Amino acid sequence: MEALELRLSLIEQLKTIDDVKLLTQIKNLISLATEKKETRYPAQMTLDELKAVLKKSREDFKHGRYMTTEELRKRHPLCE
């Protein structure tokens, strides 16, 4: 089935549904699926951003601005 056929089939099925809860769930599912394409999650970086972070990390390490794993665990016990 091609996109147009699927779309028409879905429209026909949706016309027969009277359950508001089910229609709301379908709408939310469609919204979730379509917004993922546009959403940029905080952990995602562009290549230039990643290079900048890497450069800063290397400079920090070179100048001794870092914490060992043991120091981190002492400061934040949940990191064990």
N, C-alpha and C. Protein backbone atom coordinates (compact mmCIF):
# COMPACT_ATOMS: atom_id res chain seq x y z
N MET A 1 0.84 -1.19 0.00
CA MET A 1 0.00 0.00 0.00
C MET A 1 0.88 1.25 0.00
N GLU A 2 0.51 2.18 -0.79
CA GLU A 2 1.25 3.43 -0.83
C GLU A 2 0.69 4.39 0.21
N ALA A 3 1.39 5.49 0.43
CA ALA A 3 1.00 6.45 1.46
C ALA A 3 -0.42 6.97 1.29
N LEU A 4 -0.78 7.30 0.07
CA LEU A 4 -2.13 7.83 -0.17
C LEU A 4 -3.20 6.80 0.18
N GLU A 5 -2.99 5.55 -0.23
CA GLU A 5 -3.95 4.49 0.08
C GLU A 5 -4.06 4.28 1.58
N LEU A 6 -2.93 4.27 2.25
CA LEU A 6 -2.94 4.10 3.71
C LEU A 6 -3.67 5.25 4.39
N ARG A 7 -3.39 6.44 3.95
CA ARG A 7 -4.02 7.62 4.53
C ARG A 7 -5.54 7.55 4.37
N LEU A 8 -6.01 7.20 3.18
CA LEU A 8 -7.45 7.10 2.94
C LEU A 8 -8.07 5.99 3.76
N SER A 9 -7.37 4.88 3.89
CA SER A 9 -7.86 3.77 4.70
C SER A 9 -7.99 4.18 6.17
N LEU A 10 -7.00 4.88 6.67
CA LEU A 10 -7.04 5.36 8.06
C LEU A 10 -8.20 6.34 8.27
N ILE A 11 -8.39 7.22 7.33
CA ILE A 11 -9.48 8.19 7.44
C ILE A 11 -10.82 7.47 7.52
N GLU A 12 -11.00 6.47 6.68
CA GLU A 12 -12.25 5.70 6.70
C GLU A 12 -12.45 5.01 8.05
N GLN A 13 -11.36 4.44 8.59
CA GLN A 13 -11.47 3.77 9.89
C GLN A 13 -11.76 4.78 10.99
N LEU A 14 -11.09 5.94 10.95
CA LEU A 14 -11.29 6.96 11.97
C LEU A 14 -12.73 7.48 11.98
N LYS A 15 -13.35 7.53 10.82
CA LYS A 15 -14.73 8.01 10.72
C LYS A 15 -15.70 7.14 11.53
N THR A 16 -15.36 5.87 11.71
CA THR A 16 -16.28 4.95 12.40
C THR A 16 -16.05 4.89 13.90
N ILE A 17 -15.00 5.51 14.40
CA ILE A 17 -14.68 5.44 15.83
C ILE A 17 -15.39 6.56 16.58
N ASP A 18 -16.15 6.17 17.62
CA ASP A 18 -16.86 7.14 18.45
C ASP A 18 -16.23 7.28 19.84
N ASP A 19 -15.26 6.45 20.15
CA ASP A 19 -14.62 6.43 21.46
C ASP A 19 -13.62 7.59 21.58
N VAL A 20 -13.97 8.58 22.40
CA VAL A 20 -13.12 9.77 22.55
C VAL A 20 -11.75 9.41 23.10
N LYS A 21 -11.71 8.48 24.04
CA LYS A 21 -10.43 8.07 24.62
C LYS A 21 -9.51 7.45 23.56
N LEU A 22 -10.07 6.58 22.74
CA LEU A 22 -9.29 5.95 21.68
C LEU A 22 -8.82 6.98 20.66
N LEU A 23 -9.69 7.89 20.27
CA LEU A 23 -9.32 8.93 19.32
C LEU A 23 -8.21 9.83 19.89
N THR A 24 -8.30 10.13 21.17
CA THR A 24 -7.27 10.94 21.83
C THR A 24 -5.93 10.21 21.82
N GLN A 25 -5.96 8.91 22.11
CA GLN A 25 -4.73 8.12 22.09
C GLN A 25 -4.11 8.09 20.69
N ILE A 26 -4.94 7.93 19.69
CA ILE A 26 -4.46 7.92 18.30
C ILE A 26 -3.84 9.27 17.96
N LYS A 27 -4.53 10.34 18.33
CA LYS A 27 -4.02 11.69 18.06
C LYS A 27 -2.68 11.90 18.74
N ASN A 28 -2.58 11.49 20.01
CA ASN A 28 -1.32 11.65 20.75
C ASN A 28 -0.20 10.83 20.12
N LEU A 29 -0.51 9.65 19.67
CA LEU A 29 0.48 8.79 19.02
C LEU A 29 0.99 9.44 17.73
N ILE A 30 0.08 9.98 16.95
CA ILE A 30 0.48 10.65 15.71
C ILE A 30 1.32 11.88 16.03
N SER A 31 0.91 12.65 17.02
CA SER A 31 1.68 13.85 17.40
C SER A 31 3.08 13.47 17.86
N LEU A 32 3.17 12.43 18.67
CA LEU A 32 4.46 11.97 19.17
C LEU A 32 5.36 11.52 18.02
N ALA A 33 4.80 10.78 17.09
CA ALA A 33 5.59 10.27 15.96
C ALA A 33 6.06 11.39 15.04
N THR A 34 5.25 12.41 14.85
CA THR A 34 5.63 13.48 13.93
C THR A 34 6.53 14.51 14.58
N GLU A 35 6.42 14.72 15.88
CA GLU A 35 7.27 15.73 16.52
C GLU A 35 8.68 15.21 16.77
N LYS A 36 8.89 13.90 16.80
CA LYS A 36 10.23 13.36 17.00
C LYS A 36 11.18 13.81 15.90
N LYS A 37 10.66 14.00 14.71
CA LYS A 37 11.50 14.42 13.60
C LYS A 37 12.06 15.82 13.82
N GLU A 38 11.34 16.65 14.55
CA GLU A 38 11.73 18.03 14.76
C GLU A 38 12.41 18.26 16.10
N THR A 39 12.25 17.36 17.04
CA THR A 39 12.78 17.54 18.38
C THR A 39 14.28 17.31 18.41
N ARG A 40 14.99 18.20 19.04
CA ARG A 40 16.42 18.03 19.24
C ARG A 40 16.63 17.83 20.73
N TYR A 41 17.06 16.65 21.10
CA TYR A 41 17.22 16.33 22.51
C TYR A 41 18.48 16.98 23.06
N PRO A 42 18.49 17.32 24.36
CA PRO A 42 19.62 18.03 24.96
C PRO A 42 20.97 17.33 24.78
N ALA A 43 20.98 16.02 24.73
CA ALA A 43 22.24 15.30 24.65
C ALA A 43 22.81 15.28 23.23
N GLN A 44 22.07 15.73 22.26
CA GLN A 44 22.56 15.72 20.89
C GLN A 44 23.32 17.01 20.60
N MET A 45 24.46 16.86 19.94
CA MET A 45 25.27 18.01 19.59
C MET A 45 25.63 17.96 18.12
N THR A 46 25.86 19.13 17.56
CA THR A 46 26.37 19.16 16.20
C THR A 46 27.84 18.76 16.25
N LEU A 47 28.43 18.49 15.11
CA LEU A 47 29.84 18.13 15.06
C LEU A 47 30.71 19.26 15.59
N ASP A 48 30.39 20.50 15.26
CA ASP A 48 31.16 21.64 15.74
C ASP A 48 31.06 21.78 17.26
N GLU A 49 29.85 21.57 17.82
CA GLU A 49 29.68 21.64 19.27
C GLU A 49 30.49 20.54 19.95
N LEU A 50 30.46 19.35 19.40
CA LEU A 50 31.20 18.23 19.96
C LEU A 50 32.70 18.50 19.94
N LYS A 51 33.20 19.06 18.83
CA LYS A 51 34.62 19.41 18.74
C LYS A 51 35.01 20.45 19.78
N ALA A 52 34.13 21.44 20.02
CA ALA A 52 34.41 22.47 21.02
C ALA A 52 34.46 21.88 22.42
N VAL A 53 33.55 20.98 22.73
CA VAL A 53 33.54 20.34 24.04
C VAL A 53 34.80 19.49 24.22
N LEU A 54 35.19 18.77 23.19
CA LEU A 54 36.40 17.95 23.25
C LEU A 54 37.63 18.81 23.45
N LYS A 55 37.71 19.93 22.74
CA LYS A 55 38.86 20.83 22.89
C LYS A 55 38.94 21.37 24.32
N LYS A 56 37.80 21.79 24.86
CA LYS A 56 37.77 22.31 26.24
C LYS A 56 38.16 21.22 27.23
N SER A 57 37.69 20.01 27.03
CA SER A 57 38.01 18.90 27.92
C SER A 57 39.52 18.62 27.92
N ARG A 58 40.12 18.65 26.74
CA ARG A 58 41.56 18.42 26.65
C ARG A 58 42.34 19.52 27.35
N GLU A 59 41.90 20.77 27.20
CA GLU A 59 42.56 21.89 27.88
C GLU A 59 42.41 21.75 29.39
N ASP A 60 41.21 21.40 29.85
CA ASP A 60 40.99 21.21 31.28
C ASP A 60 41.91 20.12 31.83
N PHE A 61 42.02 19.02 31.12
CA PHE A 61 42.88 17.93 31.58
C PHE A 61 44.34 18.37 31.62
N LYS A 62 44.77 19.09 30.59
CA LYS A 62 46.16 19.55 30.51
C LYS A 62 46.50 20.47 31.69
N HIS A 63 45.54 21.25 32.16
CA HIS A 63 45.75 22.20 33.26
C HIS A 63 45.33 21.63 34.61
N GLY A 64 45.06 20.35 34.67
CA GLY A 64 44.73 19.70 35.94
C GLY A 64 43.34 19.98 36.46
N ARG A 65 42.45 20.43 35.62
CA ARG A 65 41.07 20.74 36.04
C ARG A 65 40.18 19.53 35.78
N TYR A 66 40.35 18.55 36.63
CA TYR A 66 39.53 17.34 36.52
C TYR A 66 39.46 16.68 37.89
N MET A 67 38.61 15.67 37.98
CA MET A 67 38.41 14.91 39.21
C MET A 67 38.62 13.44 38.92
N THR A 68 39.28 12.75 39.84
CA THR A 68 39.41 11.32 39.68
C THR A 68 38.07 10.67 40.02
N THR A 69 37.93 9.42 39.65
CA THR A 69 36.69 8.70 39.95
C THR A 69 36.47 8.64 41.46
N GLU A 70 37.54 8.42 42.20
CA GLU A 70 37.42 8.35 43.66
C GLU A 70 36.97 9.68 44.25
N GLU A 71 37.53 10.78 43.76
CA GLU A 71 37.12 12.11 44.24
C GLU A 71 35.64 12.37 43.92
N LEU A 72 35.22 11.96 42.75
CA LEU A 72 33.83 12.12 42.37
C LEU A 72 32.91 11.32 43.28
N ARG A 73 33.29 10.10 43.59
CA ARG A 73 32.46 9.26 44.46
C ARG A 73 32.38 9.81 45.88
N LYS A 74 33.46 10.41 46.36
CA LYS A 74 33.43 11.02 47.70
C LYS A 74 32.49 12.23 47.72
N ARG A 75 32.51 12.98 46.64
CA ARG A 75 31.68 14.18 46.57
C ARG A 75 30.21 13.84 46.31
N HIS A 76 29.98 12.81 45.49
CA HIS A 76 28.62 12.40 45.12
C HIS A 76 28.46 10.90 45.37
N PRO A 77 28.02 10.53 46.58
CA PRO A 77 27.93 9.11 46.94
C PRO A 77 27.03 8.28 46.00
N LEU A 78 26.10 8.92 45.30
CA LEU A 78 25.22 8.15 44.41
C LEU A 78 25.94 7.67 43.16
N CYS A 79 27.16 8.13 42.93
CA CYS A 79 27.93 7.74 41.73
C CYS A 79 28.68 6.42 41.92
N GLU A 80 28.43 5.73 42.99
CA GLU A 80 29.16 4.48 43.24
C GLU A 80 28.75 3.38 42.32
